[in-house]
């Protein structure tokens, strides 16, 4: 496959595309959901209680359970 575009122009476009990607922090902020309880709620929950369904989808569920 042959093109008439110089390699430096292609690399320039690639670098520009990478620079315009959202950062991991901004992705994290956009995907973060509001907790209906407080952080550490699962650590305080009695063992005989059931875990609320919304907690299963939380990205911090393991940290919440292990909070001391």
PDB file of N, CA and C in Angstrom:
ATOM      1  N   UNK A   1       0.836  -1.167   0.000  1.00  0.00           N
ATOM      2  CA  UNK A   1       0.000   0.000   0.000  1.00  0.00           C
ATOM      3  C   UNK A   1       0.885   1.235   0.000  1.00  0.00           C
ATOM      4  N   UNK A   2       0.654   2.103  -0.912  1.00  0.00           N
ATOM      5  CA  UNK A   2       1.479   3.287  -1.062  1.00  0.00           C
ATOM      6  C   UNK A   2       0.608   4.542  -0.981  1.00  0.00           C
ATOM      7  N   UNK A   3       1.143   5.552  -0.291  1.00  0.00           N
ATOM      8  CA  UNK A   3       0.435   6.833  -0.231  1.00  0.00           C
ATOM      9  C   UNK A   3       1.392   7.945  -0.586  1.00  0.00           C
ATOM     10  N   UNK A   4       0.822   9.087  -0.895  1.00  0.00           N
ATOM     11  CA  UNK A   4       1.643  10.249  -1.210  1.00  0.00           C
ATOM     12  C   UNK A   4       1.822  11.166   0.000  1.00  0.00           C
ATOM     13  N   UNK A   5       1.353  10.735   1.150  1.00  0.00           N
ATOM     14  CA  UNK A   5       1.454  11.552   2.355  1.00  0.00           C
ATOM     15  C   UNK A   5       2.794  11.279   3.023  1.00  0.00           C
ATOM     16  N   UNK A   6       3.559  12.317   3.316  1.00  0.00           N
ATOM     17  CA  UNK A   6       4.849  12.116   3.976  1.00  0.00           C
ATOM     18  C   UNK A   6       4.677  11.527   5.376  1.00  0.00           C
ATOM     19  N   UNK A   7       5.639  10.734   5.782  1.00  0.00           N
ATOM     20  CA  UNK A   7       5.592  10.053   7.064  1.00  0.00           C
ATOM     21  C   UNK A   7       5.494  11.062   8.210  1.00  0.00           C
ATOM     22  N   UNK A   8       6.205  12.172   8.118  1.00  0.00           N
ATOM     23  CA  UNK A   8       6.166  13.146   9.204  1.00  0.00           C
ATOM     24  C   UNK A   8       4.777  13.758   9.379  1.00  0.00           C
ATOM     25  N   UNK A   9       4.023  13.886   8.310  1.00  0.00           N
ATOM     26  CA  UNK A   9       2.644  14.389   8.398  1.00  0.00           C
ATOM     27  C   UNK A   9       1.742  13.356   9.073  1.00  0.00           C
ATOM     28  N   UNK A  10       1.951  12.104   8.766  1.00  0.00           N
ATOM     29  CA  UNK A  10       1.165  11.033   9.383  1.00  0.00           C
ATOM     30  C   UNK A  10       1.461  10.993  10.883  1.00  0.00           C
ATOM     31  N   UNK A  11       2.742  11.047  11.231  1.00  0.00           N
ATOM     32  CA  UNK A  11       3.120  11.039  12.643  1.00  0.00           C
ATOM     33  C   UNK A  11       2.561  12.254  13.377  1.00  0.00           C
ATOM     34  N   UNK A  12       2.561  13.385  12.722  1.00  0.00           N
ATOM     35  CA  UNK A  12       2.004  14.604  13.313  1.00  0.00           C
ATOM     36  C   UNK A  12       0.522  14.417  13.639  1.00  0.00           C
ATOM     37  N   UNK A  13      -0.216  13.803  12.718  1.00  0.00           N
ATOM     38  CA  UNK A  13      -1.645  13.540  12.936  1.00  0.00           C
ATOM     39  C   UNK A  13      -1.855  12.539  14.072  1.00  0.00           C
ATOM     40  N   UNK A  14      -1.003  11.522  14.165  1.00  0.00           N
ATOM     41  CA  UNK A  14      -1.113  10.523  15.229  1.00  0.00           C
ATOM     42  C   UNK A  14      -0.865  11.181  16.586  1.00  0.00           C
ATOM     43  N   UNK A  15       0.179  11.989  16.677  1.00  0.00           N
ATOM     44  CA  UNK A  15       0.496  12.685  17.933  1.00  0.00           C
ATOM     45  C   UNK A  15      -0.652  13.618  18.312  1.00  0.00           C
ATOM     46  N   UNK A  16      -1.214  14.307  17.361  1.00  0.00           N
ATOM     47  CA  UNK A  16      -2.343  15.208  17.613  1.00  0.00           C
ATOM     48  C   UNK A  16      -3.561  14.430  18.121  1.00  0.00           C
ATOM     49  N   UNK A  17      -3.833  13.290  17.507  1.00  0.00           N
ATOM     50  CA  UNK A  17      -4.973  12.467  17.930  1.00  0.00           C
ATOM     51  C   UNK A  17      -4.775  11.947  19.351  1.00  0.00           C
ATOM     52  N   UNK A  18      -3.560  11.533  19.680  1.00  0.00           N
ATOM     53  CA  UNK A  18      -3.268  11.050  21.029  1.00  0.00           C
ATOM     54  C   UNK A  18      -3.407  12.190  22.036  1.00  0.00           C
ATOM     55  N   UNK A  19      -2.917  13.363  21.701  1.00  0.00           N
ATOM     56  CA  UNK A  19      -2.980  14.509  22.609  1.00  0.00           C
ATOM     57  C   UNK A  19      -4.419  14.935  22.874  1.00  0.00           C
ATOM     58  N   UNK A  20      -5.316  14.703  21.932  1.00  0.00           N
ATOM     59  CA  UNK A  20      -6.707  15.110  22.089  1.00  0.00           C
ATOM     60  C   UNK A  20      -7.569  14.080  22.803  1.00  0.00           C
ATOM     61  N   UNK A  21      -6.990  12.935  23.170  1.00  0.00           N
ATOM     62  CA  UNK A  21      -7.736  11.913  23.897  1.00  0.00           C
ATOM     63  C   UNK A  21      -7.979  12.381  25.322  1.00  0.00           C
ATOM     64  N   UNK A  22      -9.169  12.087  25.886  1.00  0.00           N
ATOM     65  CA  UNK A  22      -9.403  12.454  27.283  1.00  0.00           C
ATOM     66  C   UNK A  22      -8.469  11.680  28.205  1.00  0.00           C
ATOM     67  N   UNK A  23      -8.083  12.299  29.288  1.00  0.00           N
ATOM     68  CA  UNK A  23      -7.179  11.641  30.240  1.00  0.00           C
ATOM     69  C   UNK A  23      -7.936  10.584  31.024  1.00  0.00           C
ATOM     70  N   UNK A  24      -7.206   9.703  31.670  1.00  0.00           N
ATOM     71  CA  UNK A  24      -7.819   8.658  32.489  1.00  0.00           C
ATOM     72  C   UNK A  24      -8.614   9.282  33.631  1.00  0.00           C
ATOM     73  N   UNK A  25      -8.120  10.389  34.176  1.00  0.00           N
ATOM     74  CA  UNK A  25      -8.825  11.062  35.274  1.00  0.00           C
ATOM     75  C   UNK A  25     -10.166  11.608  34.807  1.00  0.00           C
ATOM     76  N   UNK A  26     -10.209  12.216  33.607  1.00  0.00           N
ATOM     77  CA  UNK A  26     -11.489  12.754  33.137  1.00  0.00           C
ATOM     78  C   UNK A  26     -12.458  11.630  32.806  1.00  0.00           C
ATOM     79  N   UNK A  27     -11.965  10.506  32.303  1.00  0.00           N
ATOM     80  CA  UNK A  27     -12.822   9.342  32.063  1.00  0.00           C
ATOM     81  C   UNK A  27     -13.370   8.816  33.374  1.00  0.00           C
ATOM     82  N   UNK A  28     -12.520   8.779  34.381  1.00  0.00           N
ATOM     83  CA  UNK A  28     -12.917   8.274  35.692  1.00  0.00           C
ATOM     84  C   UNK A  28     -14.013   9.165  36.282  1.00  0.00           C
ATOM     85  N   UNK A  29     -13.846  10.478  36.155  1.00  0.00           N
ATOM     86  CA  UNK A  29     -14.845  11.415  36.677  1.00  0.00           C
ATOM     87  C   UNK A  29     -16.170  11.261  35.947  1.00  0.00           C
ATOM     88  N   UNK A  30     -16.130  11.037  34.653  1.00  0.00           N
ATOM     89  CA  UNK A  30     -17.352  10.893  33.878  1.00  0.00           C
ATOM     90  C   UNK A  30     -18.075   9.600  34.215  1.00  0.00           C
ATOM     91  N   UNK A  31     -17.334   8.533  34.502  1.00  0.00           N
ATOM     92  CA  UNK A  31     -17.930   7.230  34.769  1.00  0.00           C
ATOM     93  C   UNK A  31     -18.283   7.006  36.240  1.00  0.00           C
ATOM     94  N   UNK A  32     -17.850   7.922  37.097  1.00  0.00           N
ATOM     95  CA  UNK A  32     -18.082   7.734  38.526  1.00  0.00           C
ATOM     96  C   UNK A  32     -19.558   7.943  38.851  1.00  0.00           C
ATOM     97  N   UNK A  33     -20.105   7.014  39.618  1.00  0.00           N
ATOM     98  CA  UNK A  33     -21.497   7.120  40.026  1.00  0.00           C
ATOM     99  C   UNK A  33     -21.558   7.587  41.466  1.00  0.00           C
ATOM    100  N   UNK A  34     -22.663   8.197  41.825  1.00  0.00           N
ATOM    101  CA  UNK A  34     -22.842   8.689  43.182  1.00  0.00           C
ATOM    102  C   UNK A  34     -23.265   7.525  44.069  1.00  0.00           C
ATOM    103  N   UNK A  35     -22.593   7.390  45.198  1.00  0.00           N
ATOM    104  CA  UNK A  35     -22.896   6.328  46.142  1.00  0.00           C
ATOM    105  C   UNK A  35     -24.151   6.692  46.921  1.00  0.00           C
ATOM    106  N   UNK A  36     -25.068   5.744  47.048  1.00  0.00           N
ATOM    107  CA  UNK A  36     -26.289   5.973  47.808  1.00  0.00           C
ATOM    108  C   UNK A  36     -26.050   5.849  49.309  1.00  0.00           C
ATOM    109  N   UNK A  37     -24.903   5.307  49.680  1.00  0.00           N
ATOM    110  CA  UNK A  37     -24.530   5.118  51.080  1.00  0.00           C
ATOM    111  C   UNK A  37     -23.261   5.918  51.316  1.00  0.00           C
ATOM    112  N   UNK A  38     -22.503   5.626  52.323  1.00  0.00           N
ATOM    113  CA  UNK A  38     -21.216   6.282  52.530  1.00  0.00           C
ATOM    114  C   UNK A  38     -20.098   5.275  52.278  1.00  0.00           C
ATOM    115  N   UNK A  39     -18.921   5.801  51.932  1.00  0.00           N
ATOM    116  CA  UNK A  39     -17.786   4.926  51.673  1.00  0.00           C
ATOM    117  C   UNK A  39     -17.423   4.210  52.966  1.00  0.00           C
ATOM    118  N   UNK A  40     -17.367   2.904  52.937  1.00  0.00           N
ATOM    119  CA  UNK A  40     -17.120   2.087  54.115  1.00  0.00           C
ATOM    120  C   UNK A  40     -18.397   1.447  54.644  1.00  0.00           C
ATOM    121  N   UNK A  41     -19.508   1.746  53.984  1.00  0.00           N
ATOM    122  CA  UNK A  41     -20.813   1.204  54.383  1.00  0.00           C
ATOM    123  C   UNK A  41     -20.795  -0.317  54.439  1.00  0.00           C
ATOM    124  N   UNK A  42     -20.196  -0.941  53.445  1.00  0.00           N
ATOM    125  CA  UNK A  42     -20.182  -2.402  53.393  1.00  0.00           C
ATOM    126  C   UNK A  42     -19.308  -3.008  54.492  1.00  0.00           C
ATOM    127  N   UNK A  43     -18.280  -2.286  54.920  1.00  0.00           N
ATOM    128  CA  UNK A  43     -17.429  -2.766  56.004  1.00  0.00           C
ATOM    129  C   UNK A  43     -18.194  -2.758  57.329  1.00  0.00           C
ATOM    130  N   UNK A  44     -19.146  -1.839  57.462  1.00  0.00           N
ATOM    131  CA  UNK A  44     -19.927  -1.717  58.694  1.00  0.00           C
ATOM    132  C   UNK A  44     -21.190  -2.578  58.683  1.00  0.00           C
ATOM    133  N   UNK A  45     -21.552  -3.096  57.542  1.00  0.00           N
ATOM    134  CA  UNK A  45     -22.773  -3.880  57.392  1.00  0.00           C
ATOM    135  C   UNK A  45     -22.643  -5.209  58.139  1.00  0.00           C
ATOM    136  N   UNK A  46     -23.635  -5.581  58.948  1.00  0.00           N
ATOM    137  CA  UNK A  46     -23.561  -6.876  59.633  1.00  0.00           C
ATOM    138  C   UNK A  46     -23.467  -8.031  58.626  1.00  0.00           C
ATOM    139  N   UNK A  47     -22.745  -9.060  58.989  1.00  0.00           N
ATOM    140  CA  UNK A  47     -22.517 -10.187  58.069  1.00  0.00           C
ATOM    141  C   UNK A  47     -23.807 -10.865  57.634  1.00  0.00           C
ATOM    142  N   UNK A  48     -24.837 -10.807  58.454  1.00  0.00           N
ATOM    143  CA  UNK A  48     -26.112 -11.447  58.109  1.00  0.00           C
ATOM    144  C   UNK A  48     -26.953 -10.606  57.144  1.00  0.00           C
ATOM    145  N   UNK A  49     -26.543  -9.349  56.909  1.00  0.00           N
ATOM    146  CA  UNK A  49     -27.284  -8.472  56.004  1.00  0.00           C
ATOM    147  C   UNK A  49     -26.901  -8.731  54.559  1.00  0.00           C
ATOM    148  N   UNK A  50     -27.813  -8.417  53.658  1.00  0.00           N
ATOM    149  CA  UNK A  50     -27.508  -8.574  52.233  1.00  0.00           C
ATOM    150  C   UNK A  50     -26.873  -7.297  51.695  1.00  0.00           C
ATOM    151  N   UNK A  51     -26.050  -7.451  50.700  1.00  0.00           N
ATOM    152  CA  UNK A  51     -25.383  -6.315  50.064  1.00  0.00           C
ATOM    153  C   UNK A  51     -26.376  -5.677  49.094  1.00  0.00           C
ATOM    154  N   UNK A  52     -26.541  -4.352  49.157  1.00  0.00           N
ATOM    155  CA  UNK A  52     -27.452  -3.682  48.221  1.00  0.00           C
ATOM    156  C   UNK A  52     -27.019  -3.913  46.771  1.00  0.00           C
ATOM    157  N   UNK A  53     -27.988  -4.071  45.899  1.00  0.00           N
ATOM    158  CA  UNK A  53     -27.715  -4.384  44.497  1.00  0.00           C
ATOM    159  C   UNK A  53     -26.819  -3.348  43.824  1.00  0.00           C
ATOM    160  N   UNK A  54     -27.019  -2.066  44.117  1.00  0.00           N
ATOM    161  CA  UNK A  54     -26.220  -1.020  43.461  1.00  0.00           C
ATOM    162  C   UNK A  54     -24.744  -1.122  43.822  1.00  0.00           C
ATOM    163  N   UNK A  55     -24.427  -1.752  44.954  1.00  0.00           N
ATOM    164  CA  UNK A  55     -23.028  -1.899  45.358  1.00  0.00           C
ATOM    165  C   UNK A  55     -22.260  -2.864  44.442  1.00  0.00           C
ATOM    166  N   UNK A  56     -22.956  -3.820  43.847  1.00  0.00           N
ATOM    167  CA  UNK A  56     -22.288  -4.778  42.959  1.00  0.00           C
ATOM    168  C   UNK A  56     -21.718  -4.113  41.716  1.00  0.00           C
ATOM    169  N   UNK A  57     -22.250  -2.962  41.333  1.00  0.00           N
ATOM    170  CA  UNK A  57     -21.812  -2.275  40.124  1.00  0.00           C
ATOM    171  C   UNK A  57     -20.845  -1.140  40.420  1.00  0.00           C
ATOM    172  N   UNK A  58     -20.561  -0.926  41.699  1.00  0.00           N
ATOM    173  CA  UNK A  58     -19.665   0.158  42.099  1.00  0.00           C
ATOM    174  C   UNK A  58     -18.211  -0.249  41.858  1.00  0.00           C
ATOM    175  N   UNK A  59     -17.415   0.636  41.246  1.00  0.00           N
ATOM    176  CA  UNK A  59     -16.010   0.299  41.007  1.00  0.00           C
ATOM    177  C   UNK A  59     -15.178   0.258  42.288  1.00  0.00           C
ATOM    178  N   UNK A  60     -15.725   0.756  43.402  1.00  0.00           N
ATOM    179  CA  UNK A  60     -14.982   0.779  44.657  1.00  0.00           C
ATOM    180  C   UNK A  60     -15.518  -0.231  45.667  1.00  0.00           C
ATOM    181  N   UNK A  61     -16.266  -1.244  45.206  1.00  0.00           N
ATOM    182  CA  UNK A  61     -16.895  -2.194  46.132  1.00  0.00           C
ATOM    183  C   UNK A  61     -15.876  -2.918  47.013  1.00  0.00           C
ATOM    184  N   UNK A  62     -14.760  -3.319  46.469  1.00  0.00           N
ATOM    185  CA  UNK A  62     -13.753  -4.053  47.246  1.00  0.00           C
ATOM    186  C   UNK A  62     -13.149  -3.146  48.315  1.00  0.00           C
ATOM    187  N   UNK A  63     -12.816  -1.905  47.945  1.00  0.00           N
ATOM    188  CA  UNK A  63     -12.254  -0.967  48.909  1.00  0.00           C
ATOM    189  C   UNK A  63     -13.274  -0.643  50.001  1.00  0.00           C
ATOM    190  N   UNK A  64     -14.549  -0.561  49.633  1.00  0.00           N
ATOM    191  CA  UNK A  64     -15.622  -0.267  50.586  1.00  0.00           C
ATOM    192  C   UNK A  64     -15.757  -1.388  51.604  1.00  0.00           C
ATOM    193  N   UNK A  65     -15.669  -2.616  51.157  1.00  0.00           N
ATOM    194  CA  UNK A  65     -15.760  -3.772  52.052  1.00  0.00           C
ATOM    195  C   UNK A  65     -14.550  -3.832  52.975  1.00  0.00           C
ATOM    196  N   UNK A  66     -13.365  -3.501  52.458  1.00  0.00           N
ATOM    197  CA  UNK A  66     -12.131  -3.644  53.211  1.00  0.00           C
ATOM    198  C   UNK A  66     -11.786  -2.416  54.044  1.00  0.00           C
ATOM    199  N   UNK A  67     -12.549  -1.334  53.949  1.00  0.00           N
ATOM    200  CA  UNK A  67     -12.219  -0.105  54.685  1.00  0.00           C
ATOM    201  C   UNK A  67     -12.182  -0.366  56.186  1.00  0.00           C
ATOM    202  N   UNK A  68     -11.158   0.161  56.829  1.00  0.00           N
ATOM    203  CA  UNK A  68     -11.041  -0.025  58.285  1.00  0.00           C
ATOM    204  C   UNK A  68     -10.949   1.297  58.974  1.00  0.00           C
TER     205      UNK A  68
END
